[in-house]
Amino acid sequence: MARRVFEAWKGSNKFLFGGRLIFGPDVWSLPFTILLIVTPVCFFSVFVATHLRQELLPNNAGHAFLVAGVLLTVFVLILLFITSARDPGIVPRNMHPPEEEICYDTTISSDGRQTPTVQIPRTKEVMVYGVPVRVKYCDTCMLYRPPRCSHCSICNNCVERFDHHCPWVGQCIGVRNYRYFFMFVSSATLLCIYLFSMSALYVKVMMDNHQGTVWRAMRESPWAVLLMIYCFISLWFVGGLTGFHLYLITTNQTTYENFRYRSDNRINVYNRGCSNNFFEIFCSKGKPSRNDFRAFVKEESPRNIRLATTWERAEGENREERRQKVEDELDIDEDIMNLQQRSNVEDGSDSGHQKIDIDIMRVESSERAPTIRSEARHGNWGARSSNAQEDIVDVSSSVRESRSYAAAEEGR
């Protein structure tokens, strides 16, 4: 039975509703985050907003305090859900390493054996805005990561424009959900400011109505004081995070790049100015997902990368050398036969001497074969002809010497 992509997913993600929603492996922290947001709003609605409506605006206009708080809370929760439940920009894995980048090498073991190995360059350079940028190879996903991409060890995926993995939302923050993450953090900051302001206003109203001091008013409204303390502590967290990401957006950096390359003093090739950086984050068209989690998996037979072993390559080299040697010997025999025919015409020697001379010349020429081959192979046809003429002169002199030696033997 054919499986869908989310069913055969190799990452650590969690899927809901048949692959329509994708979460990180720590998705169970999401209900805790929701509880941290909803709980103070509930206390605000029950103990602060209703009393403010009665004290300040007895008519129906007093409901604005409650409605504003609830709407802002719903907006924060929607952004939290979008940030956590969508593909952050996962780069699909390859089933095989890139064959065009594979290099073959041999390693020598302690016992002297040579073992063939496959090596893939760990980095390569790509051009970004006319500047060379080095990208790394991911052994898990078997691909060269795109620029600004990094592998998340928690989700076990390569994510484009990887910012960080946020445990509060249970998801990686990447190119497809970064703007929603920033809007979630900034709107949570606004919610904390709103709850803190309304609680402080309620304490002031209680102090004015009862003609008392601040401490007496705080004793009259303990829930408002607790809300102020809670919002003040939360504001340091979400407010500081909002300010930090405003700086990152202004300079077009990611959290990963800022912490990793802060001390390298390298040029940020992605910084195109403050206005362009903000436009890129908030006004550019959202990048579509590169994964169809509900599609059926296409079965693909695994390709075996066959390594050329050491003895196979050595055998191939020996076979090539033997072939070259045979060709060179044939060329030399042909040259010797031509020389022999010329010498027969010139000297009129008999057939017995020809046979002896041919054998001697073949023995001598076999010793000279490497020299003739190297000279003939590395030159053009004109150079080969000149070298052949020089070899003919050398061989002809050896022919005359061999003939005089044969005549002396017969005289004895």
Protein backbone atom coordinates (compact mmCIF):
# COMPACT_ATOMS: atom_id res chain seq x y z
CA MET A 1 0.00 0.00 0.00
CA ALA A 2 1.35 3.41 -0.99
CA ARG A 3 2.29 5.65 1.89
CA ARG A 4 2.08 9.41 2.08
CA VAL A 5 5.07 11.66 2.62
CA PHE A 6 4.21 12.51 6.24
CA GLU A 7 3.94 8.80 7.06
CA ALA A 8 7.44 8.10 5.71
CA TRP A 9 8.95 11.32 7.04
CA LYS A 10 12.51 10.88 8.31
CA GLY A 11 12.55 13.99 10.48
CA SER A 12 11.40 14.25 14.09
CA ASN A 13 8.25 16.26 13.33
CA LYS A 14 4.74 15.50 14.51
CA PHE A 15 1.82 15.59 12.06
CA LEU A 16 -1.86 16.13 12.73
CA PHE A 17 -5.00 15.88 10.56
CA GLY A 18 -3.42 13.69 7.91
CA GLY A 19 -0.31 15.77 7.36
CA ARG A 20 -2.11 19.11 7.13
CA LEU A 21 -0.39 20.43 10.27
CA ILE A 22 3.29 19.93 11.05
CA PHE A 23 4.81 20.54 14.48
CA GLY A 24 8.20 20.06 16.06
CA PRO A 25 9.00 17.11 18.32
CA ASP A 26 8.52 19.34 21.40
CA VAL A 27 4.97 20.31 20.44
CA TRP A 28 3.81 19.37 23.96
CA SER A 29 5.27 22.67 25.20
CA LEU A 30 2.66 24.52 23.12
CA PRO A 31 -0.24 23.98 25.59
CA PHE A 32 1.99 25.34 28.37
CA THR A 33 2.66 28.48 26.32
CA ILE A 34 -1.06 28.89 25.67
CA LEU A 35 -1.72 28.52 29.40
CA LEU A 36 0.79 31.28 30.18
CA ILE A 37 -1.11 33.60 27.83
CA VAL A 38 -4.72 32.73 28.62
CA THR A 39 -4.49 32.51 32.42
CA PRO A 40 -3.59 36.16 33.12
CA VAL A 41 -6.18 37.33 30.59
CA CYS A 42 -8.88 35.36 32.41
CA PHE A 43 -7.94 36.92 35.74
CA PHE A 44 -7.91 40.33 34.08
CA SER A 45 -11.38 39.82 32.61
CA VAL A 46 -12.90 38.66 35.91
CA PHE A 47 -11.19 40.84 38.53
CA VAL A 48 -10.04 43.97 36.73
CA ALA A 49 -11.97 44.67 33.50
CA THR A 50 -15.42 44.29 35.04
CA HIS A 51 -14.60 46.62 37.96
CA LEU A 52 -13.07 49.19 35.63
CA ARG A 53 -16.26 49.18 33.56
CA GLN A 54 -18.32 49.89 36.66
CA GLU A 55 -16.02 52.55 38.08
CA LEU A 56 -15.17 54.53 34.92
CA LEU A 57 -17.85 53.88 32.35
CA PRO A 58 -21.07 52.51 33.87
CA ASN A 59 -22.76 52.37 30.46
CA ASN A 60 -22.07 49.85 27.70
CA ALA A 61 -18.94 51.72 26.58
CA GLY A 62 -17.14 50.21 29.54
CA HIS A 63 -17.09 46.86 27.79
CA ALA A 64 -14.31 48.22 25.57
CA PHE A 65 -11.73 47.34 28.24
CA LEU A 66 -12.76 43.71 28.18
CA VAL A 67 -13.22 43.43 24.41
CA ALA A 68 -9.83 44.97 23.67
CA GLY A 69 -8.07 42.51 25.95
CA VAL A 70 -9.87 39.50 24.54
CA LEU A 71 -9.31 40.48 20.90
CA LEU A 72 -5.62 41.08 21.49
CA THR A 73 -5.35 37.70 23.19
CA VAL A 74 -7.07 35.93 20.29
CA PHE A 75 -4.73 37.66 17.85
CA VAL A 76 -1.70 36.45 19.84
CA LEU A 77 -3.02 32.87 19.90
CA ILE A 78 -3.66 32.85 16.14
CA LEU A 79 -0.12 34.00 15.44
CA LEU A 80 1.20 31.36 17.84
CA PHE A 81 -0.74 28.65 16.03
CA ILE A 82 0.43 29.79 12.57
CA THR A 83 4.04 29.92 13.74
CA SER A 84 3.91 26.48 15.30
CA ALA A 85 1.76 24.51 12.86
CA ARG A 86 3.27 25.31 9.46
CA ASP A 87 6.31 24.25 7.50
CA PRO A 88 9.14 26.60 8.56
CA GLY A 89 11.00 26.08 5.27
CA ILE A 90 12.24 22.49 5.38
CA VAL A 91 14.55 21.51 2.53
CA PRO A 92 13.57 18.04 1.20
CA ARG A 93 16.18 15.36 1.64
CA ASN A 94 17.96 13.63 -1.18
CA MET A 95 17.75 9.86 -1.45
CA HIS A 96 21.30 9.73 -2.83
CA PRO A 97 24.39 11.92 -2.57
CA PRO A 98 24.95 14.33 -5.47
CA GLU A 99 26.84 12.20 -8.00
CA GLU A 100 28.43 15.17 -9.71
CA GLU A 101 30.26 16.03 -6.48
CA ILE A 102 31.52 12.52 -5.66
CA CYS A 103 35.30 12.01 -5.58
CA TYR A 104 36.98 8.62 -5.36
CA ASP A 105 40.04 8.09 -3.20
CA THR A 106 41.90 5.24 -1.53
CA THR A 107 42.90 4.83 2.08
CA ILE A 108 45.82 2.64 3.19
CA SER A 109 45.17 0.49 6.27
CA SER A 110 47.74 -0.66 8.80
CA ASP A 111 48.34 -3.94 6.96
CA GLY A 112 49.08 -2.12 3.71
CA ARG A 113 45.74 -2.78 1.97
CA GLN A 114 44.25 -0.05 -0.15
CA THR A 115 40.53 0.48 0.36
CA PRO A 116 38.50 2.60 -2.07
CA THR A 117 36.44 5.33 -0.43
CA VAL A 118 33.88 7.91 -1.54
CA GLN A 119 34.61 11.49 -0.64
CA ILE A 120 32.31 14.48 -1.07
CA PRO A 121 33.76 17.99 -0.61
CA ARG A 122 32.58 19.33 2.72
CA THR A 123 32.04 22.85 1.38
CA LYS A 124 31.65 24.65 -1.92
CA GLU A 125 31.22 28.26 -2.93
CA VAL A 126 28.12 29.85 -4.46
CA MET A 127 27.57 33.44 -5.54
CA VAL A 128 25.19 35.64 -3.52
CA TYR A 129 24.77 39.19 -4.82
CA GLY A 130 28.11 38.82 -6.61
CA VAL A 131 29.94 37.72 -3.44
CA PRO A 132 31.21 34.13 -3.00
CA VAL A 133 29.57 32.42 -0.03
CA ARG A 134 30.64 29.05 1.29
CA VAL A 135 27.91 26.47 1.86
CA LYS A 136 28.28 23.18 3.72
CA TYR A 137 27.33 19.63 2.84
CA CYS A 138 24.79 17.94 5.12
CA ASP A 139 25.47 14.24 5.64
CA THR A 140 21.98 13.61 7.02
CA CYS A 141 20.01 15.26 4.19
CA MET A 142 22.70 14.41 1.56
CA LEU A 143 22.68 17.85 -0.02
CA TYR A 144 24.57 21.12 -0.07
CA ARG A 145 22.62 23.48 2.14
CA PRO A 146 21.35 26.64 0.46
CA PRO A 147 22.78 29.92 1.75
CA ARG A 148 21.55 30.78 5.27
CA CYS A 149 20.29 27.23 5.71
CA SER A 150 21.21 25.11 8.72
CA HIS A 151 20.35 21.68 10.06
CA CYS A 152 18.21 21.69 13.21
CA SER A 153 19.38 18.97 15.58
CA ILE A 154 15.99 18.88 17.33
CA CYS A 155 13.74 18.55 14.28
CA ASN A 156 16.46 16.74 12.28
CA ASN A 157 15.79 18.83 9.17
CA CYS A 158 17.61 21.42 7.10
CA VAL A 159 15.65 24.68 7.32
CA GLU A 160 16.01 27.62 4.92
CA ARG A 161 17.03 30.90 6.57
CA PHE A 162 17.22 29.07 9.87
CA ASP A 163 16.84 31.48 12.79
CA HIS A 164 16.55 29.18 15.82
CA HIS A 165 14.43 26.43 17.30
CA CYS A 166 11.94 27.96 19.70
CA PRO A 167 10.87 25.63 22.52
CA TRP A 168 7.96 27.91 23.44
CA VAL A 169 6.24 27.36 20.09
CA GLY A 170 7.63 23.84 19.58
CA GLN A 171 8.87 24.56 16.06
CA CYS A 172 11.86 25.78 14.08
CA ILE A 173 11.81 29.41 13.01
CA GLY A 174 12.73 29.72 9.35
CA VAL A 175 11.98 31.53 6.14
CA ARG A 176 8.26 30.64 6.07
CA ASN A 177 7.25 31.47 9.65
CA TYR A 178 9.72 34.10 10.80
CA ARG A 179 7.40 37.07 10.19
CA TYR A 180 4.60 35.36 12.11
CA PHE A 181 7.00 34.58 14.95
CA PHE A 182 8.04 38.22 15.18
CA MET A 183 4.42 39.35 15.08
CA PHE A 184 3.59 36.82 17.82
CA VAL A 185 6.39 38.08 20.07
CA SER A 186 5.62 41.76 19.45
CA SER A 187 1.86 41.30 19.96
CA ALA A 188 2.55 39.38 23.17
CA THR A 189 4.59 42.39 24.27
CA LEU A 190 1.65 44.67 23.53
CA LEU A 191 -0.65 42.35 25.49
CA CYS A 192 1.65 42.50 28.51
CA ILE A 193 1.77 46.29 28.30
CA TYR A 194 -2.03 46.47 28.03
CA LEU A 195 -2.65 44.19 31.03
CA PHE A 196 -0.06 46.00 33.11
CA SER A 197 -1.51 49.43 32.22
CA MET A 198 -5.11 48.43 32.93
CA SER A 199 -4.16 46.86 36.25
CA ALA A 200 -2.22 49.97 37.28
CA LEU A 201 -5.20 52.12 36.25
CA TYR A 202 -7.50 50.02 38.38
CA VAL A 203 -5.21 50.46 41.42
CA LYS A 204 -5.23 54.22 40.88
CA VAL A 205 -9.03 54.28 40.61
CA MET A 206 -9.33 52.34 43.85
CA MET A 207 -6.95 54.78 45.55
CA ASP A 208 -8.90 57.84 44.35
CA ASN A 209 -12.33 56.48 45.24
CA HIS A 210 -11.43 55.43 48.76
CA GLN A 211 -9.22 58.41 49.51
CA GLY A 212 -6.44 56.10 50.59
CA THR A 213 -2.80 55.44 49.94
CA VAL A 214 -1.25 53.23 47.31
CA TRP A 215 -0.69 50.41 49.77
CA ARG A 216 -4.31 50.47 50.88
CA ALA A 217 -5.50 50.40 47.27
CA MET A 218 -3.19 47.47 46.53
CA ARG A 219 -4.65 45.59 49.49
CA GLU A 220 -8.11 46.20 48.10
CA SER A 221 -7.17 44.78 44.67
CA PRO A 222 -4.62 41.97 45.14
CA TRP A 223 -5.37 40.39 41.74
CA ALA A 224 -4.47 43.61 39.98
CA VAL A 225 -1.15 43.67 41.85
CA LEU A 226 -0.40 40.06 40.90
CA LEU A 227 -1.19 40.86 37.27
CA MET A 228 1.18 43.81 37.35
CA ILE A 229 4.00 41.67 38.75
CA TYR A 230 3.37 38.88 36.22
CA CYS A 231 3.21 41.27 33.27
CA PHE A 232 6.33 43.13 34.42
CA ILE A 233 8.36 39.90 34.51
CA SER A 234 6.95 38.71 31.18
CA LEU A 235 7.65 42.08 29.61
CA TRP A 236 11.35 41.69 30.24
CA PHE A 237 11.30 38.43 28.31
CA VAL A 238 9.01 39.12 25.34
CA GLY A 239 9.92 42.80 25.21
CA GLY A 240 13.64 42.06 25.16
CA LEU A 241 13.06 39.42 22.49
CA THR A 242 11.11 41.91 20.39
CA GLY A 243 13.87 44.51 20.63
CA PHE A 244 16.54 41.94 19.72
CA HIS A 245 14.65 40.78 16.64
CA LEU A 246 14.04 44.36 15.59
CA TYR A 247 17.82 44.75 15.52
CA LEU A 248 18.17 41.51 13.52
CA ILE A 249 15.58 42.64 10.98
CA THR A 250 17.24 46.04 10.63
CA THR A 251 20.59 44.41 9.82
CA ASN A 252 19.09 41.40 7.98
CA GLN A 253 20.57 38.78 10.26
CA THR A 254 19.31 35.63 11.87
CA THR A 255 19.77 34.59 15.48
CA TYR A 256 22.01 31.73 14.34
CA GLU A 257 24.20 34.04 12.26
CA ASN A 258 24.43 36.64 15.01
CA PHE A 259 25.61 34.20 17.66
CA ARG A 260 27.84 32.13 15.37
CA TYR A 261 29.56 34.77 13.27
CA ARG A 262 29.53 37.71 15.67
CA SER A 263 33.26 37.47 16.40
CA ASP A 264 34.34 36.78 12.79
CA ASN A 265 33.81 40.36 11.59
CA ARG A 266 32.65 39.02 8.25
CA ILE A 267 30.71 41.15 5.76
CA ASN A 268 26.95 40.62 5.82
CA VAL A 269 26.15 40.23 2.13
CA TYR A 270 22.40 40.07 2.85
CA ASN A 271 22.13 43.53 4.40
CA ARG A 272 20.51 45.77 1.76
CA GLY A 273 19.56 48.70 3.96
CA CYS A 274 17.05 49.15 6.76
CA SER A 275 13.97 49.83 4.60
CA ASN A 276 14.72 47.02 2.15
CA ASN A 277 15.35 44.62 5.00
CA PHE A 278 11.96 45.40 6.57
CA PHE A 279 10.29 45.12 3.17
CA GLU A 280 11.88 41.70 2.64
CA ILE A 281 10.53 40.36 5.93
CA PHE A 282 7.03 41.85 6.03
CA CYS A 283 6.05 42.82 2.48
CA SER A 284 7.63 40.22 0.24
CA LYS A 285 5.63 37.31 -1.10
CA GLY A 286 5.71 34.29 1.16
CA LYS A 287 7.83 31.43 -0.08
CA PRO A 288 5.78 28.32 -0.89
CA SER A 289 6.54 25.07 0.85
CA ARG A 290 8.89 22.68 -0.89
CA ASN A 291 7.12 19.69 0.66
CA ASP A 292 3.75 18.17 -0.11
CA PHE A 293 3.21 16.13 3.02
CA ARG A 294 -0.03 14.59 1.76
CA ALA A 295 1.41 13.38 -1.53
CA PHE A 296 2.15 9.72 -2.06
CA VAL A 297 5.72 8.55 -1.78
CA LYS A 298 7.33 7.75 -5.11
CA GLU A 299 9.15 4.48 -4.85
CA GLU A 300 12.64 4.77 -6.21
CA SER A 301 15.09 1.91 -6.43
CA PRO A 302 18.28 2.66 -4.56
CA ARG A 303 21.25 3.37 -6.74
CA ASN A 304 24.45 1.62 -5.78
CA ILE A 305 27.54 3.71 -6.29
CA ARG A 306 30.07 1.17 -7.53
CA LEU A 307 33.59 1.97 -6.52
CA ALA A 308 36.50 1.20 -8.78
CA THR A 309 38.69 -0.93 -6.54
CA THR A 310 42.44 -0.63 -6.53
CA TRP A 311 43.10 -3.89 -8.37
CA GLU A 312 40.47 -3.11 -11.00
CA ARG A 313 42.02 0.28 -11.68
CA ALA A 314 45.50 -1.26 -11.71
CA GLU A 315 44.33 -3.93 -14.13
CA GLY A 316 42.82 -1.28 -16.35
CA GLU A 317 46.05 0.69 -16.35
CA ASN A 318 48.10 -2.45 -17.16
CA ARG A 319 45.69 -3.31 -19.94
CA GLU A 320 46.13 0.15 -21.39
CA GLU A 321 49.92 -0.12 -21.16
CA ARG A 322 49.89 -3.52 -22.87
CA ARG A 323 47.74 -2.16 -25.66
CA GLN A 324 50.06 0.78 -26.17
CA LYS A 325 53.08 -1.54 -26.13
CA VAL A 326 51.57 -3.81 -28.81
CA GLU A 327 50.77 -0.83 -31.00
CA ASP A 328 54.31 0.51 -30.61
CA GLU A 329 55.84 -2.88 -31.43
CA LEU A 330 53.73 -3.15 -34.57
CA ASP A 331 54.86 0.30 -35.62
CA ILE A 332 58.50 -0.62 -34.98
CA ASP A 333 58.23 -3.90 -36.93
CA GLU A 334 56.77 -2.02 -39.85
CA ASP A 335 59.64 0.48 -39.76
CA ILE A 336 62.19 -2.36 -39.55
CA MET A 337 60.67 -4.12 -42.54
CA ASN A 338 60.85 -0.95 -44.57
CA LEU A 339 64.48 -0.45 -43.58
CA GLN A 340 65.29 -4.04 -44.42
CA GLN A 341 63.79 -3.72 -47.87
CA ARG A 342 65.79 -0.58 -48.52
CA SER A 343 69.01 -2.16 -47.32
CA ASN A 344 68.39 -5.21 -49.52
CA VAL A 345 68.05 -3.02 -52.57
CA GLU A 346 71.18 -1.06 -51.70
CA ASP A 347 73.51 -3.86 -50.60
CA GLY A 348 72.04 -6.86 -52.42
CA SER A 349 72.36 -9.11 -49.40
CA ASP A 350 70.98 -12.63 -49.42
CA SER A 351 67.93 -14.01 -47.61
CA GLY A 352 69.92 -15.77 -44.85
CA HIS A 353 71.57 -12.57 -43.77
CA GLN A 354 68.17 -10.83 -43.89
CA LYS A 355 66.70 -13.23 -41.39
CA ILE A 356 69.61 -12.83 -38.97
CA ASP A 357 69.53 -9.05 -39.30
CA ILE A 358 65.79 -8.88 -38.77
CA ASP A 359 65.99 -10.90 -35.55
CA ILE A 360 68.84 -8.80 -34.19
CA MET A 361 67.09 -5.56 -35.12
CA ARG A 362 63.88 -6.70 -33.43
CA VAL A 363 65.76 -7.44 -30.23
CA GLU A 364 67.43 -4.06 -30.32
CA SER A 365 64.26 -2.25 -31.29
CA SER A 366 62.32 -3.84 -28.40
CA GLU A 367 64.81 -2.28 -26.03
CA ARG A 368 64.36 1.07 -27.76
CA ALA A 369 60.56 0.84 -27.85
CA PRO A 370 59.84 3.07 -24.86
CA THR A 371 61.95 5.86 -26.32
CA ILE A 372 60.30 5.65 -29.72
CA ARG A 373 56.84 5.50 -28.14
CA SER A 374 57.36 8.50 -25.91
CA GLU A 375 58.74 10.58 -28.73
CA ALA A 376 56.04 9.57 -31.18
CA ARG A 377 53.12 9.94 -28.77
CA HIS A 378 53.82 13.44 -27.54
CA GLY A 379 54.40 15.05 -30.88
CA ASN A 380 52.33 15.82 -33.92
CA TRP A 381 52.65 14.07 -37.27
CA GLY A 382 55.46 16.31 -38.41
CA ALA A 383 57.44 15.75 -35.23
CA ARG A 384 56.82 12.02 -35.47
CA SER A 385 58.16 11.95 -39.03
CA SER A 386 61.38 13.74 -38.03
CA ASN A 387 61.85 11.45 -35.03
CA ALA A 388 61.20 8.41 -37.22
CA GLN A 389 63.88 9.55 -39.64
CA GLU A 390 66.40 9.84 -36.81
CA ASP A 391 65.44 6.35 -35.59
CA ILE A 392 65.86 4.98 -39.12
CA VAL A 393 69.44 6.30 -39.24
CA ASP A 394 70.19 4.70 -35.86
CA VAL A 395 68.64 1.39 -36.84
CA SER A 396 70.41 1.35 -40.24
CA SER A 397 73.79 1.79 -38.53
CA SER A 398 72.97 -1.13 -36.25
CA VAL A 399 72.01 -3.15 -39.35
CA ARG A 400 75.42 -2.57 -40.96
CA GLU A 401 77.20 -3.52 -37.75
CA SER A 402 75.18 -6.72 -37.46
CA ARG A 403 75.96 -7.62 -41.10
CA SER A 404 79.71 -7.14 -40.65
CA TYR A 405 79.51 -9.27 -37.55
CA ALA A 406 77.69 -12.03 -39.48
CA ALA A 407 80.28 -11.91 -42.32
CA ALA A 408 83.11 -12.30 -39.83
CA GLU A 409 81.41 -15.32 -38.31
CA GLU A 410 81.08 -16.98 -41.71
CA GLY A 411 84.74 -16.28 -42.51
CA ARG A 412 85.75 -18.23 -39.48
